[in-house]
Protein backbone atom coordinates (compact mmCIF):
# COMPACT_ATOMS: atom_id res chain seq x y z
CA MET A 1 57.95 152.63 46.76
CA VAL A 2 55.46 150.20 47.64
CA PHE A 3 57.80 147.81 46.58
CA PHE A 4 60.68 148.57 49.12
CA ILE A 5 58.44 149.43 51.93
CA LEU A 6 57.20 145.58 51.05
CA LEU A 7 60.28 144.57 51.04
CA ALA A 8 61.15 145.58 54.16
CA CYS A 9 58.35 144.44 56.07
CA LEU A 10 59.02 140.80 55.13
CA LEU A 11 62.53 141.43 56.04
CA SER A 12 61.49 142.33 59.07
CA THR A 13 58.86 139.94 59.78
CA ILE A 14 61.99 136.94 58.79
CA ASN A 15 64.35 138.32 61.41
CA SER A 16 61.84 138.68 64.29
CA SER A 17 60.21 134.90 63.27
CA PRO A 18 61.23 132.25 65.99
CA LEU A 19 61.49 129.70 63.10
CA GLN A 20 65.02 128.70 61.96
CA PHE A 21 65.58 128.53 58.26
CA PRO A 22 67.91 126.33 56.65
CA GLY A 23 71.16 128.57 56.76
CA SER A 24 70.22 131.15 59.60
CA LYS A 25 72.44 131.12 62.48
CA PRO A 26 70.77 130.22 66.02
CA SER A 27 69.38 132.99 68.39
CA GLY A 28 71.01 131.13 71.28
CA ARG A 29 72.59 127.72 72.55
CA VAL A 30 69.70 125.63 74.38
CA PRO A 31 71.13 124.28 77.72
CA ASN A 32 71.70 120.93 78.49
CA PRO A 33 69.58 119.14 80.99
CA CYS A 34 70.60 118.29 84.50
CA SER A 35 70.72 114.61 84.47
CA THR A 36 72.06 111.66 86.89
CA ASN A 37 75.06 109.38 86.44
CA ASP A 38 72.31 107.06 85.36
CA GLY A 39 70.94 109.60 82.30
CA THR A 40 67.72 110.03 84.48
CA GLN A 41 66.54 113.91 84.09
CA CYS A 42 66.52 115.50 87.19
CA VAL A 43 63.36 117.76 88.42
CA PHE A 44 63.66 120.93 89.86
CA PRO A 45 62.64 122.72 92.39
CA PHE A 46 62.25 119.52 95.33
CA THR A 47 61.63 119.91 98.49
CA TYR A 48 64.20 117.70 100.57
CA ALA A 49 63.77 117.73 104.81
CA ASP A 50 61.74 120.45 104.30
CA VAL A 51 63.64 122.81 102.46
CA GLU A 52 63.10 123.80 98.49
CA HIS A 53 65.98 122.99 96.22
CA TYR A 54 66.75 124.78 92.99
CA HIS A 55 70.15 122.86 92.39
CA CYS A 56 71.33 119.67 93.72
CA THR A 57 72.43 119.36 96.78
CA TYR A 58 74.65 117.92 99.25
CA ALA A 59 72.12 117.48 101.65
CA SER A 60 72.86 114.65 104.07
CA SER A 61 74.95 113.56 100.82
CA PRO A 62 79.12 113.74 100.14
CA THR A 63 77.78 114.54 96.83
CA PRO A 64 75.67 116.29 94.84
CA TRP A 65 72.07 114.96 94.15
CA CYS A 66 68.51 115.70 92.92
CA ALA A 67 65.46 114.78 92.68
CA THR A 68 64.04 112.41 89.76
CA ARG A 69 60.23 112.32 90.93
CA VAL A 70 58.00 114.52 93.37
CA ASP A 71 54.67 113.68 94.75
CA SER A 72 52.37 116.71 94.73
CA ASN A 73 53.93 119.00 97.15
CA GLY A 74 56.76 118.98 95.28
CA THR A 75 58.70 116.59 97.74
CA VAL A 76 61.02 114.07 96.78
CA VAL A 77 59.79 110.26 96.30
CA THR A 78 61.69 107.78 98.55
CA ASN A 79 64.26 105.78 96.55
CA SER A 80 63.56 108.43 93.14
CA TRP A 81 67.07 110.46 93.26
CA GLY A 82 70.34 110.18 91.86
CA ASP A 83 74.06 111.92 91.98
CA CYS A 84 74.03 114.98 89.55
CA SER A 85 76.05 114.27 86.42
CA ASN A 86 78.70 117.26 84.57
CA THR A 87 79.03 115.96 81.09
CA ALA A 88 79.14 117.49 77.89
CA LEU A 89 75.27 115.71 78.06
CA SER A 90 74.73 117.23 81.61
CA SER A 91 74.66 120.40 82.96
CA CYS A 92 73.90 120.29 86.57
CA PRO A 93 73.52 123.78 88.92
CA VAL A 94 74.91 122.99 92.36
CA GLU A 95 74.94 124.72 95.29
CA SER A 96 78.24 125.86 97.03
CA ILE A 97 78.90 124.51 100.64
CA THR A 98 81.64 125.73 102.82
CA VAL A 99 84.01 122.82 104.28
CA PRO A 100 87.06 123.42 105.98
CA SER A 101 90.73 123.38 104.83
CA CYS A 102 93.07 120.67 107.21
CA VAL A 103 96.23 118.66 106.94
CA THR A 104 96.40 115.89 109.27
CA GLU A 105 98.67 115.50 111.91
CA GLY A 106 100.03 111.48 112.52
CA GLY A 107 97.63 108.85 111.47
CA PRO A 108 98.27 106.06 108.95
CA GLN A 109 97.92 108.95 106.16
CA ASP A 110 99.91 112.18 108.06
CA ASN A 111 100.82 115.17 106.42
CA VAL A 112 98.00 114.96 103.92
CA SER A 113 94.80 116.83 103.18
CA CYS A 114 91.33 116.12 104.68
CA VAL A 115 88.58 115.27 102.14
CA PHE A 116 85.17 116.46 102.95
CA PRO A 117 82.69 115.93 102.89
CA PHE A 118 82.96 112.36 102.99
CA ARG A 119 80.39 109.47 104.55
CA HIS A 120 81.44 106.82 106.34
CA LEU A 121 78.96 104.04 108.28
CA GLY A 122 75.78 106.02 106.71
CA VAL A 123 76.63 109.38 108.14
CA THR A 124 77.73 112.37 105.91
CA TYR A 125 80.75 114.59 108.00
CA THR A 126 81.63 118.17 106.85
CA SER A 127 84.24 117.96 109.50
CA CYS A 128 86.50 115.48 111.67
CA THR A 129 84.60 112.98 113.84
CA THR A 130 86.16 110.82 116.65
CA THR A 131 83.68 107.92 115.56
CA GLY A 132 85.85 104.56 116.21
CA LYS A 133 88.69 106.00 116.87
CA ASP A 134 90.15 107.76 120.37
CA MET A 135 90.88 110.94 118.29
CA ALA A 136 89.58 113.44 116.06
CA TRP A 137 90.29 112.04 112.26
CA CYS A 138 89.33 112.82 108.66
CA SER A 139 89.44 110.80 105.61
CA THR A 140 92.00 111.54 102.86
CA ASN A 141 90.48 109.48 99.98
CA THR A 142 86.98 108.93 99.26
CA THR A 143 85.07 106.84 96.65
CA SER A 144 83.27 108.38 93.42
CA ALA A 145 80.53 108.06 95.78
CA GLY A 146 82.03 109.95 98.45
CA GLU A 147 82.24 107.07 100.92
CA HIS A 148 85.47 106.87 103.24
CA ILE A 149 87.96 104.73 102.34
CA GLU A 150 89.66 102.34 104.97
CA GLU A 151 92.81 103.25 106.14
CA TYR A 152 92.87 106.65 104.00
CA TYR A 153 92.95 108.43 107.73
CA GLY A 154 94.81 110.56 109.36
CA TYR A 155 94.21 112.97 113.07
CA CYS A 156 92.90 116.07 112.66
CA PRO A 157 94.62 119.23 113.91
CA SER A 158 93.34 121.08 117.36
CA THR A 159 92.64 124.00 114.59
CA CYS A 160 89.89 122.03 112.53
CA PRO A 161 86.56 121.85 113.18
CA GLY A 162 85.47 118.63 115.46
CA ALA A 163 88.93 118.14 116.83
CA GLU A 164 89.45 121.17 119.03
CA ASN A 165 89.81 118.00 121.94
CA ASN A 166 92.95 116.80 120.30
CA THR A 167 96.30 117.06 121.78
CA SER A 168 99.53 117.09 119.84
CA THR A 169 101.49 114.42 119.29
CA THR A 170 105.25 115.86 118.91
CA THR A 171 106.70 116.23 122.40
CA THR A 172 108.27 112.88 123.14
CA THR A 173 112.01 112.91 122.07
CA SER A 174 113.86 114.92 124.79
CA THR A 175 116.11 112.99 126.90
CA THR A 176 118.14 111.00 124.36
CA THR A 177 121.38 112.88 125.20
CA THR A 178 121.40 113.20 128.59
CA VAL A 179 121.13 109.20 129.05
CA SER A 180 124.43 108.81 126.74
CA THR A 181 125.88 111.20 128.71
CA THR A 182 125.37 109.26 132.11
CA THR A 183 126.26 106.57 130.03
CA SER A 184 129.55 107.61 129.45
CA ALA A 185 130.33 108.30 132.75
CA SER A 186 129.11 105.53 134.47
CA THR A 187 131.59 103.62 131.88
CA THR A 188 134.62 105.84 132.99
CA THR A 189 133.72 105.19 136.82
CA SER A 190 134.07 101.67 135.95
CA ALA A 191 137.36 101.82 134.11
CA SER A 192 138.89 103.77 137.30
CA THR A 193 137.55 101.17 139.65
CA THR A 194 138.87 98.28 137.53
CA THR A 195 142.15 99.93 137.58
CA THR A 196 142.86 100.36 141.01
CA ALA A 197 141.40 97.08 142.02
CA SER A 198 144.39 95.78 139.75
CA THR A 199 146.96 97.54 141.70
CA THR A 200 145.67 96.71 144.76
CA THR A 201 146.66 93.12 143.64
CA THR A 202 149.95 94.46 142.70
CA ALA A 203 150.96 95.81 145.82
CA SER A 204 149.77 92.12 147.77
CA ALA A 205 151.90 90.27 145.60
């Protein structure tokens, strides 16, 4: 009886031990760390612009990023950050953001979905912008770093944020048939005049 009690205690100790013996199954999967694209490990939490972040953030950036070094106050050190990587070796939590869903109306890229957020001339946009153009526009193609690619843009409809003052560009073709009818009538009159003139000349002879 004592032998069975000791055996039961030994088995209980082995099962509760955090040590992993050969052939035993691990108690759970250890998650991959969160790293930047260059392999540097992210530091969480970190503070940026007086906001504390526990996830990769889109703050001032078209792509999620994290701090790689912080000071004694937990604030990200200047230039110590990187774009977060989600690969087989890196698992990064990313904050969720809400961006509009817009399709362009006119411009070099017509009837194409806008890409938000995008960065242009150092500024990150999450809505349409009038920067550099007469009408509000959005990017339709960006680099992997979120930078707008020139010539890949279109004009936003007035229903998109930032484009409320845009006007429609689809009301300029309504007088073609009227002009055609007038031309036909003019041709008929001209032919009639020519015939009359010819008749007059014959009578005179």
